[in-house]
Protein backbone atom coordinates (compact mmCIF):
# COMPACT_ATOMS: atom_id res chain seq x y z
CA UNK A 1 0.00 0.00 0.00
CA UNK A 2 1.28 3.44 -0.92
CA UNK A 3 -0.71 5.56 1.55
CA UNK A 4 -2.64 4.57 4.66
CA UNK A 5 -5.24 7.23 5.51
CA UNK A 6 -5.90 6.60 9.20
CA UNK A 7 -8.69 8.11 11.27
CA UNK A 8 -8.28 7.74 15.03
CA UNK A 9 -11.83 7.81 16.35
CA UNK A 10 -13.24 8.25 19.83
CA UNK A 11 -17.01 8.64 20.10
CA UNK A 12 -17.43 10.76 16.97
CA UNK A 13 -20.05 8.75 15.10
CA UNK A 14 -21.78 11.90 13.83
CA UNK A 15 -18.58 13.12 12.19
CA UNK A 16 -17.93 9.73 10.60
CA UNK A 17 -21.44 9.79 9.12
CA UNK A 18 -20.90 13.32 7.82
CA UNK A 19 -17.36 13.14 6.45
CA UNK A 20 -16.23 9.53 5.97
CA UNK A 21 -18.17 8.95 2.72
CA UNK A 22 -16.45 11.84 0.90
CA UNK A 23 -13.08 10.83 2.31
CA UNK A 24 -13.46 7.28 0.99
CA UNK A 25 -14.68 8.52 -2.39
CA UNK A 26 -11.73 10.91 -2.74
CA UNK A 27 -8.94 8.37 -2.20
CA UNK A 28 -7.11 6.95 -5.25
CA UNK A 29 -6.59 3.22 -5.75
CA UNK A 30 -3.19 3.16 -4.03
CA UNK A 31 -4.57 4.65 -0.81
CA UNK A 32 -6.69 2.93 1.82
CA UNK A 33 -8.85 4.44 4.54
CA UNK A 34 -8.54 2.73 7.93
CA UNK A 35 -10.49 3.57 11.08
CA UNK A 36 -8.73 2.95 14.38
CA UNK A 37 -10.97 3.22 17.41
CA UNK A 38 -10.03 4.27 20.95
CA UNK A 39 -12.71 2.24 22.72
CA UNK A 40 -15.76 4.20 21.52
CA UNK A 41 -19.15 3.50 23.09
CA UNK A 42 -21.34 5.53 20.72
CA UNK A 43 -21.70 2.97 17.92
CA UNK A 44 -18.92 4.40 15.75
CA UNK A 45 -17.47 1.08 14.67
CA UNK A 46 -20.90 -0.43 14.13
CA UNK A 47 -21.64 2.41 11.72
CA UNK A 48 -18.37 1.87 9.82
CA UNK A 49 -18.93 -1.87 9.50
CA UNK A 50 -22.49 -1.34 8.24
CA UNK A 51 -21.84 1.58 5.88
CA UNK A 52 -18.47 0.39 4.53
CA UNK A 53 -18.30 -3.43 4.62
CA UNK A 54 -14.72 -4.58 4.26
CA UNK A 55 -13.15 -1.31 5.39
CA UNK A 56 -10.23 -2.16 7.69
CA UNK A 57 -10.79 -1.18 11.31
CA UNK A 58 -8.47 -1.42 14.29
CA UNK A 59 -10.42 -1.65 17.57
CA UNK A 60 -8.01 -0.67 20.33
CA UNK A 61 -10.39 -1.43 23.18
CA UNK A 62 -9.53 1.58 25.35
CA UNK A 63 -8.86 5.30 25.06
CA UNK A 64 -5.10 5.66 24.62
CA UNK A 65 -5.34 9.28 23.57
CA UNK A 66 -4.14 10.69 20.26
CA UNK A 67 -0.57 9.57 20.89
CA UNK A 68 -1.10 6.06 22.20
CA UNK A 69 -3.94 5.39 19.79
CA UNK A 70 -1.95 6.26 16.69
CA UNK A 71 1.17 4.50 17.97
CA UNK A 72 -0.77 1.27 18.47
CA UNK A 73 -2.67 1.56 15.21
CA UNK A 74 0.21 2.43 12.90
CA UNK A 75 2.44 -0.38 14.16
CA UNK A 76 -0.12 -2.73 12.57
CA UNK A 77 -0.10 -1.02 9.16
CA UNK A 78 2.33 -1.51 6.29
CA UNK A 79 2.49 1.51 3.97
CA UNK A 80 5.00 3.95 2.51
CA UNK A 81 3.17 7.00 3.85
CA UNK A 82 0.92 7.46 6.86
CA UNK A 83 -1.77 10.13 6.64
CA UNK A 84 -3.20 11.00 10.06
CA UNK A 85 -6.59 12.67 9.74
CA UNK A 86 -9.29 13.73 12.18
CA UNK A 87 -12.87 12.53 11.86
CA UNK A 88 -14.11 16.15 11.79
CA UNK A 89 -12.42 17.04 8.50
CA UNK A 90 -14.17 17.45 5.16
CA UNK A 91 -12.19 16.86 1.98
CA UNK A 92 -12.75 17.55 -1.69
CA UNK A 93 -11.68 15.44 -4.67
CA UNK A 94 -7.99 15.73 -5.42
CA UNK A 95 -6.85 16.72 -1.92
CA UNK A 96 -4.58 13.69 -1.32
CA UNK A 97 -2.62 13.45 -4.58
CA UNK A 98 -0.64 16.72 -4.12
CA UNK A 99 0.61 15.51 -0.73
CA UNK A 100 1.81 12.19 -2.13
CA UNK A 101 3.35 13.88 -5.17
CA UNK A 102 5.22 16.32 -2.93
CA UNK A 103 6.66 13.52 -0.79
CA UNK A 104 7.60 11.51 -3.88
CA UNK A 105 9.45 14.46 -5.43
CA UNK A 106 11.09 15.72 -2.21
CA UNK A 107 12.90 12.79 -0.58
CA UNK A 108 14.29 15.10 2.11
CA UNK A 109 10.82 16.00 3.34
CA UNK A 110 9.64 13.94 6.30
CA UNK A 111 6.28 15.58 7.05
CA UNK A 112 3.83 17.56 4.95
CA UNK A 113 0.24 18.68 5.12
CA UNK A 114 -2.50 20.72 3.44
CA UNK A 115 -3.87 24.14 4.24
CA UNK A 116 -6.54 23.98 6.92
CA UNK A 117 -9.64 26.09 6.37
CA UNK A 118 -12.43 26.46 8.89
CA UNK A 119 -15.61 24.45 8.54
CA UNK A 120 -18.64 26.14 10.10
CA UNK A 121 -21.76 24.40 11.36
CA UNK A 122 -24.93 26.39 10.65
CA UNK A 123 -28.46 25.12 11.16
CA UNK A 124 -27.26 21.54 11.10
CA UNK A 125 -25.34 22.00 7.85
CA UNK A 126 -21.62 22.23 7.14
CA UNK A 127 -20.33 25.34 5.40
CA UNK A 128 -16.83 25.54 3.93
CA UNK A 129 -15.01 28.84 4.38
CA UNK A 130 -11.84 30.43 3.04
CA UNK A 131 -10.86 31.43 6.59
CA UNK A 132 -7.83 29.72 8.05
CA UNK A 133 -8.63 27.28 10.86
CA UNK A 134 -7.13 27.53 14.34
CA UNK A 135 -5.49 24.10 14.54
CA UNK A 136 -3.00 24.50 11.70
CA UNK A 137 -3.89 27.20 9.15
CA UNK A 138 -0.99 27.39 6.65
CA UNK A 139 1.63 25.67 8.78
CA UNK A 140 2.82 26.27 12.30
CA UNK A 141 5.68 28.01 14.04
CA UNK A 142 6.66 28.46 17.66
CA UNK A 143 7.96 31.48 19.54
CA UNK A 144 10.85 31.99 21.97
CA UNK A 145 8.86 30.71 24.97
CA UNK A 146 7.16 27.80 23.22
CA UNK A 147 3.83 29.40 22.31
CA UNK A 148 2.64 27.92 18.99
CA UNK A 149 1.14 30.06 16.26
CA UNK A 150 0.45 29.62 12.57
CA UNK A 151 0.82 31.38 9.29
CA UNK A 152 -2.69 32.76 9.04
CA UNK A 153 -3.62 32.31 12.71
CA UNK A 154 -2.19 34.08 15.76
CA UNK A 155 -3.84 33.70 19.17
CA UNK A 156 -7.59 33.88 18.38
CA UNK A 157 -7.14 35.95 15.20
CA UNK A 158 -7.44 34.16 11.84
CA UNK A 159 -6.94 35.48 8.32
CA UNK A 160 -8.77 34.82 5.08
CA UNK A 161 -6.71 32.70 2.68
CA UNK A 162 -5.73 34.89 -0.28
CA UNK A 163 -2.78 32.73 -1.31
CA UNK A 164 -0.42 34.80 0.82
CA UNK A 165 1.16 31.71 2.38
CA UNK A 166 1.42 29.49 -0.68
CA UNK A 167 5.05 28.60 -0.05
CA UNK A 168 6.04 25.15 1.18
CA UNK A 169 8.79 25.86 3.70
CA UNK A 170 9.68 28.00 6.70
CA UNK A 171 7.42 26.20 9.15
CA UNK A 172 8.13 24.06 12.18
CA UNK A 173 5.02 21.90 12.32
CA UNK A 174 1.96 20.56 10.52
CA UNK A 175 -1.29 20.07 12.43
CA UNK A 176 -2.07 16.53 13.54
CA UNK A 177 -5.60 17.13 12.25
CA UNK A 178 -4.24 16.23 8.81
CA UNK A 179 -0.58 15.23 8.66
CA UNK A 180 1.36 13.03 6.23
CA UNK A 181 4.64 11.41 7.25
CA UNK A 182 6.96 8.80 5.87
CA UNK A 183 6.38 5.48 7.61
CA UNK A 184 10.15 4.97 7.80
CA UNK A 185 10.56 8.26 9.68
CA UNK A 186 7.66 7.40 11.99
CA UNK A 187 9.42 4.19 12.98
CA UNK A 188 12.80 5.87 13.33
CA UNK A 189 11.35 8.52 15.67
CA UNK A 190 9.39 5.93 17.66
CA UNK A 191 6.07 7.50 16.70
CA UNK A 192 4.46 10.06 18.99
CA UNK A 193 5.54 10.73 22.55
CA UNK A 194 2.82 9.01 24.59
CA UNK A 195 3.46 11.22 27.60
CA UNK A 196 1.59 13.97 25.72
CA UNK A 197 -1.65 11.92 25.43
CA UNK A 198 -3.17 14.67 23.24
CA UNK A 199 -2.25 18.21 22.09
CA UNK A 200 1.19 19.45 20.99
CA UNK A 201 2.36 15.92 20.14
CA UNK A 202 2.51 16.71 16.42
CA UNK A 203 4.69 19.75 17.11
CA UNK A 204 7.08 17.55 19.07
CA UNK A 205 7.09 14.98 16.26
CA UNK A 206 7.81 17.58 13.57
CA UNK A 207 10.51 19.24 15.69
CA UNK A 208 12.23 15.89 16.23
CA UNK A 209 11.98 15.19 12.49
CA UNK A 210 13.66 18.51 11.69
CA UNK A 211 16.41 17.82 14.21
CA UNK A 212 17.24 14.74 12.13
CA UNK A 213 17.50 16.92 9.04
CA UNK A 214 14.09 16.14 7.50
CA UNK A 215 11.98 18.96 6.12
CA UNK A 216 8.46 19.87 7.20
CA UNK A 217 6.37 21.45 4.45
CA UNK A 218 2.99 22.93 3.63
CA UNK A 219 1.58 21.75 0.30
CA UNK A 220 -0.66 24.66 -0.79
CA UNK A 221 -2.18 22.72 -3.70
CA UNK A 222 -4.16 20.76 -1.10
CA UNK A 223 -6.85 22.19 1.18
CA UNK A 224 -9.13 20.51 3.71
CA UNK A 225 -11.83 21.92 6.00
CA UNK A 226 -11.63 21.34 9.75
CA UNK A 227 -14.47 21.75 12.21
CA UNK A 228 -12.29 21.61 15.33
CA UNK A 229 -13.20 21.05 18.96
CA UNK A 230 -14.86 17.73 18.23
CA UNK A 231 -13.34 15.93 21.20
CA UNK A 232 -12.55 18.66 23.74
CA UNK A 233 -14.20 22.09 23.69
CA UNK A 234 -11.92 25.17 23.58
CA UNK A 235 -13.03 26.12 27.12
CA UNK A 236 -12.25 22.71 28.64
CA UNK A 237 -9.98 22.96 31.74
CA UNK A 238 -8.56 19.55 30.82
CA UNK A 239 -7.60 20.85 27.37
CA UNK A 240 -5.97 23.87 29.00
CA UNK A 241 -4.04 21.58 31.34
CA UNK A 242 -2.84 19.43 28.45
CA UNK A 243 -1.73 22.48 26.47
CA UNK A 244 0.29 23.99 29.32
CA UNK A 245 1.82 20.67 30.39
CA UNK A 246 2.67 19.50 26.91
CA UNK A 247 4.14 22.82 25.85
CA UNK A 248 6.68 22.39 28.66
CA UNK A 249 7.38 18.78 27.65
CA UNK A 250 7.83 19.97 24.07
CA UNK A 251 10.50 22.46 25.16
CA UNK A 252 12.14 19.92 27.44
CA UNK A 253 12.41 17.43 24.56
CA UNK A 254 13.73 19.74 21.86
CA UNK A 255 14.95 23.11 23.03
CA UNK A 256 18.38 22.04 24.35
CA UNK A 257 19.31 20.69 20.92
CA UNK A 258 18.10 23.90 19.26
CA UNK A 259 19.46 26.68 21.49
CA UNK A 260 21.79 24.88 23.94
CA UNK A 261 21.15 23.36 27.35
CA UNK A 262 21.83 26.47 29.48
CA UNK A 263 19.69 28.83 27.41
CA UNK A 264 16.95 26.20 27.19
CA UNK A 265 16.73 25.92 30.96
CA UNK A 266 16.38 29.70 31.28
CA UNK A 267 13.61 29.77 28.66
CA UNK A 268 11.71 26.97 30.40
CA UNK A 269 11.91 28.77 33.76
CA UNK A 270 10.64 31.93 32.08
CA UNK A 271 7.76 29.97 30.58
CA UNK A 272 6.86 28.59 34.01
CA UNK A 273 6.67 32.16 35.32
CA UNK A 274 4.55 33.29 32.38
CA UNK A 275 2.18 30.37 32.98
CA UNK A 276 1.88 31.32 36.64
CA UNK A 277 1.02 34.89 35.68
CA UNK A 278 -1.63 33.63 33.27
CA UNK A 279 -3.12 31.46 36.02
CA UNK A 280 -3.72 34.52 38.19
CA UNK A 281 -5.27 36.32 35.22
CA UNK A 282 -7.72 33.41 34.93
CA UNK A 283 -8.49 33.78 38.63
CA UNK A 284 -9.18 37.51 38.26
CA UNK A 285 -11.48 36.69 35.36
CA UNK A 286 -13.52 34.41 37.62
CA UNK A 287 -12.20 31.16 36.11
CA UNK A 288 -11.02 29.08 39.09
CA UNK A 289 -11.04 25.83 37.07
CA UNK A 290 -8.58 27.34 34.58
CA UNK A 291 -6.44 28.65 37.45
CA UNK A 292 -6.19 25.15 38.90
CA UNK A 293 -5.54 23.59 35.49
CA UNK A 294 -2.31 25.57 35.06
CA UNK A 295 -0.86 24.30 38.34
CA UNK A 296 -1.95 20.74 37.61
CA UNK A 297 -0.12 21.11 34.31
CA UNK A 298 3.08 22.17 36.08
CA UNK A 299 2.80 19.26 38.49
CA UNK A 300 2.26 16.86 35.60
CA UNK A 301 5.23 18.31 33.74
CA UNK A 302 7.55 17.83 36.71
CA UNK A 303 6.40 14.23 37.02
CA UNK A 304 6.56 13.34 33.32
CA UNK A 305 9.89 15.00 32.55
CA UNK A 306 11.54 12.32 34.69
CA UNK A 307 10.19 9.52 32.47
CA UNK A 308 11.61 8.64 29.10
CA UNK A 309 9.86 9.49 25.86
CA UNK A 310 10.93 8.41 22.34
CA UNK A 311 14.66 8.62 21.78
CA UNK A 312 15.58 12.22 20.95
CA UNK A 313 18.47 12.58 18.52
CA UNK A 314 19.92 15.04 16.07
CA UNK A 315 20.65 18.74 16.27
CA UNK A 316 20.15 19.92 12.68
CA UNK A 317 18.94 23.47 12.23
CA UNK A 318 15.17 23.78 12.44
CA UNK A 319 12.85 26.14 10.57
CA UNK A 320 9.99 27.97 12.23
CA UNK A 321 11.50 28.67 15.67
CA UNK A 322 10.89 32.40 16.10
CA UNK A 323 13.15 34.06 18.68
CA UNK A 324 10.61 36.66 19.81
CA UNK A 325 7.51 36.61 22.03
CA UNK A 326 4.38 36.21 19.91
CA UNK A 327 2.07 37.33 22.73
CA UNK A 328 3.94 40.61 23.21
CA UNK A 329 4.05 41.28 19.48
CA UNK A 330 0.35 40.51 19.17
CA UNK A 331 -0.51 42.92 21.99
CA UNK A 332 1.66 45.65 20.49
CA UNK A 333 0.51 45.29 16.89
CA UNK A 334 -3.12 44.19 17.19
CA UNK A 335 -4.64 43.40 13.79
CA UNK A 336 -1.32 44.40 12.18
CA UNK A 337 0.36 41.27 13.51
CA UNK A 338 -0.12 39.36 10.27
CA UNK A 339 1.43 42.07 8.14
CA UNK A 340 4.36 42.24 10.56
CA UNK A 341 4.90 38.47 10.49
CA UNK A 342 4.61 38.32 6.69
CA UNK A 343 7.27 41.03 6.32
CA UNK A 344 9.49 39.09 8.69
CA UNK A 345 8.91 35.87 6.72
CA UNK A 346 9.63 37.52 3.38
CA UNK A 347 12.87 39.07 4.69
CA UNK A 348 14.20 35.78 6.01
């Protein structure tokens, strides 16, 4: 098999019903859609078996998270390329071929992905937009203190896609909502770091790939539409905890090889202080659950940093690590942040 298109599902039957038919119809003969299931109880697998007899499924029996679920599923699949895709993504005909063609023609590229546009739900119907979607937009970067942002999305601001980011390189990460990787690289890196469970794990994976000298690229000829928030809502304290904890693990894993051990330790301490300040902002806003989530995240980070993740190796130069503070720049420049970042991108 050339390409395995793998959905990791957990209780998202309604998204499978909405988006799986078009995904199956869009795949060429040398690609196969496979549904791996993290112990769903909503009838997801029953729907797949009934609607698509013969489609391969991998019932995992329990919820291992995004990281553990994909690690367990992909070790059972033999393909040249793995395409990880969320169940809440809508595709159009011809979305997959540009990704495969890019990987075939760029042997130094280890990870690639499409542009992510937002999919809106209105009156029970799905509406495609030309607005970049929060999870990945036109490829991701990361700032000095480990805060991720994207070309086309900074903090809660998102741009309309006018083709302004139709260049393949200069990014650090591709969203795990729709990410293609070489199976050989996946095995070499040991898959995803299961300590993350969910959130930020794809950034860690792409950073580790770049440290080995592999490229990470946006393929602008491909676009998909992402609903987002299908598993955890944006206001979930658990999601906030995962984001804060995993951002610290991400820096712990990769920053020493990128900026040096001494500087990395200083940046991580600064990030801990910034997180603490944000926790008290949540408290002043009347969000005690968010306040507590930040400190649970720090406790989890201190515990997990002592355990081993996938073997980290390589110190090749990485693209997309921005040595400024994105939050400060966003506060200073407001809606002008995109113009500022585009000028910076074009000059480097």
